[in-house]
Amino acid sequence: MREENKRVHKLNIKISLSEKEELNKLIKSEKKSLSDIVRFALVETYGLEGFEPSYENSVFTFKPKRKSIF
């Protein structure tokens, strides 16, 4: 993978508590990461290209290869 294509940059935003709560609801209902929600919004709202989802698996769809012993 070329250096400029690696995802290593962070984006910080300041939001109110109510905005944070709404974002958390959206993340849970869509079962997507905040990064993927932002990417989707940029593509749908502004028609930008090059904003593919970050991973095939997310925290909501990840299935471990081994079963827990607990």
C-alpha atoms as a PDB file:
ATOM      1  CA  MET A   1       0.000   0.000   0.000  1.00  0.00           C
ATOM      2  CA  ARG A   2       1.378   3.380  -0.896  1.00  0.00           C
ATOM      3  CA  GLU A   3       2.193   5.768   1.931  1.00  0.00           C
ATOM      4  CA  GLU A   4      -0.495   8.355   1.076  1.00  0.00           C
ATOM      5  CA  ASN A   5      -3.219   5.680   1.143  1.00  0.00           C
ATOM      6  CA  LYS A   6      -2.610   4.557   4.721  1.00  0.00           C
ATOM      7  CA  ARG A   7      -5.240   5.662   7.204  1.00  0.00           C
ATOM      8  CA  VAL A   8      -3.234   7.161  10.007  1.00  0.00           C
ATOM      9  CA  HIS A   9      -4.678  10.643  10.316  1.00  0.00           C
ATOM     10  CA  LYS A  10      -7.076  11.723  13.028  1.00  0.00           C
ATOM     11  CA  LEU A  11      -9.828  14.278  12.774  1.00  0.00           C
ATOM     12  CA  ASN A  12     -10.971  15.972  15.970  1.00  0.00           C
ATOM     13  CA  ILE A  13     -14.282  17.776  16.300  1.00  0.00           C
ATOM     14  CA  LYS A  14     -15.994  19.546  19.151  1.00  0.00           C
ATOM     15  CA  ILE A  15     -19.641  18.673  19.683  1.00  0.00           C
ATOM     16  CA  SER A  16     -22.207  19.220  22.393  1.00  0.00           C
ATOM     17  CA  LEU A  17     -23.365  16.470  24.727  1.00  0.00           C
ATOM     18  CA  SER A  18     -26.689  16.153  22.902  1.00  0.00           C
ATOM     19  CA  GLU A  19     -24.878  15.868  19.549  1.00  0.00           C
ATOM     20  CA  LYS A  20     -22.647  13.161  21.015  1.00  0.00           C
ATOM     21  CA  GLU A  21     -25.683  11.242  22.249  1.00  0.00           C
ATOM     22  CA  GLU A  22     -27.311  11.450  18.804  1.00  0.00           C
ATOM     23  CA  LEU A  23     -24.109  10.261  17.123  1.00  0.00           C
ATOM     24  CA  ASN A  24     -23.921   7.318  19.522  1.00  0.00           C
ATOM     25  CA  LYS A  25     -27.531   6.391  18.675  1.00  0.00           C
ATOM     26  CA  LEU A  26     -26.704   6.552  14.964  1.00  0.00           C
ATOM     27  CA  ILE A  27     -23.568   4.434  15.398  1.00  0.00           C
ATOM     28  CA  LYS A  28     -25.543   1.756  17.237  1.00  0.00           C
ATOM     29  CA  SER A  29     -28.527   1.778  14.879  1.00  0.00           C
ATOM     30  CA  GLU A  30     -26.415   1.671  11.700  1.00  0.00           C
ATOM     31  CA  LYS A  31     -23.829  -0.694  13.213  1.00  0.00           C
ATOM     32  CA  LYS A  32     -21.053   1.369  11.632  1.00  0.00           C
ATOM     33  CA  SER A  33     -18.042   3.217  12.981  1.00  0.00           C
ATOM     34  CA  LEU A  34     -18.092   6.993  13.208  1.00  0.00           C
ATOM     35  CA  SER A  35     -15.396   7.075  10.523  1.00  0.00           C
ATOM     36  CA  ASP A  36     -17.609   5.124   8.124  1.00  0.00           C
ATOM     37  CA  ILE A  37     -20.630   7.323   8.899  1.00  0.00           C
ATOM     38  CA  VAL A  38     -18.585  10.447   8.124  1.00  0.00           C
ATOM     39  CA  ARG A  39     -17.292   8.873   4.898  1.00  0.00           C
ATOM     40  CA  PHE A  40     -20.833   7.967   3.822  1.00  0.00           C
ATOM     41  CA  ALA A  41     -22.082  11.490   4.608  1.00  0.00           C
ATOM     42  CA  LEU A  42     -19.280  13.084   2.565  1.00  0.00           C
ATOM     43  CA  VAL A  43     -20.008  10.875  -0.436  1.00  0.00           C
ATOM     44  CA  GLU A  44     -23.792  11.290  -0.270  1.00  0.00           C
ATOM     45  CA  THR A  45     -23.832  15.008   0.570  1.00  0.00           C
ATOM     46  CA  TYR A  46     -20.969  16.328  -1.527  1.00  0.00           C
ATOM     47  CA  GLY A  47     -20.363  13.542  -4.047  1.00  0.00           C
ATOM     48  CA  LEU A  48     -16.715  13.183  -3.046  1.00  0.00           C
ATOM     49  CA  GLU A  49     -14.808  10.159  -4.314  1.00  0.00           C
ATOM     50  CA  GLY A  50     -12.269   7.969  -2.558  1.00  0.00           C
ATOM     51  CA  PHE A  51     -14.053   7.552   0.774  1.00  0.00           C
ATOM     52  CA  GLU A  52     -14.472   3.778   0.988  1.00  0.00           C
ATOM     53  CA  PRO A  53     -15.405   2.020   4.248  1.00  0.00           C
ATOM     54  CA  SER A  54     -12.460   1.468   6.538  1.00  0.00           C
ATOM     55  CA  TYR A  55     -12.812  -2.263   7.194  1.00  0.00           C
ATOM     56  CA  GLU A  56     -14.821  -5.275   6.071  1.00  0.00           C
ATOM     57  CA  ASN A  57     -15.418  -6.156   9.716  1.00  0.00           C
ATOM     58  CA  SER A  58     -16.419  -3.686  12.367  1.00  0.00           C
ATOM     59  CA  VAL A  59     -16.893  -3.993  16.095  1.00  0.00           C
ATOM     60  CA  PHE A  60     -20.513  -4.929  15.317  1.00  0.00           C
ATOM     61  CA  THR A  61     -19.764  -7.726  12.819  1.00  0.00           C
ATOM     62  CA  PHE A  62     -16.456  -9.170  14.060  1.00  0.00           C
ATOM     63  CA  LYS A  63     -16.585 -12.864  14.842  1.00  0.00           C
ATOM     64  CA  PRO A  64     -13.580 -14.389  16.596  1.00  0.00           C
ATOM     65  CA  LYS A  65     -12.034 -17.504  15.048  1.00  0.00           C
ATOM     66  CA  ARG A  66     -11.955 -19.367  18.366  1.00  0.00           C
ATOM     67  CA  LYS A  67     -14.721 -19.772  20.873  1.00  0.00           C
ATOM     68  CA  SER A  68     -14.068 -18.501  24.355  1.00  0.00           C
ATOM     69  CA  ILE A  69     -13.460 -21.044  27.090  1.00  0.00           C
ATOM     70  CA  PHE A  70     -15.532 -18.953  29.489  1.00  0.00           C
END
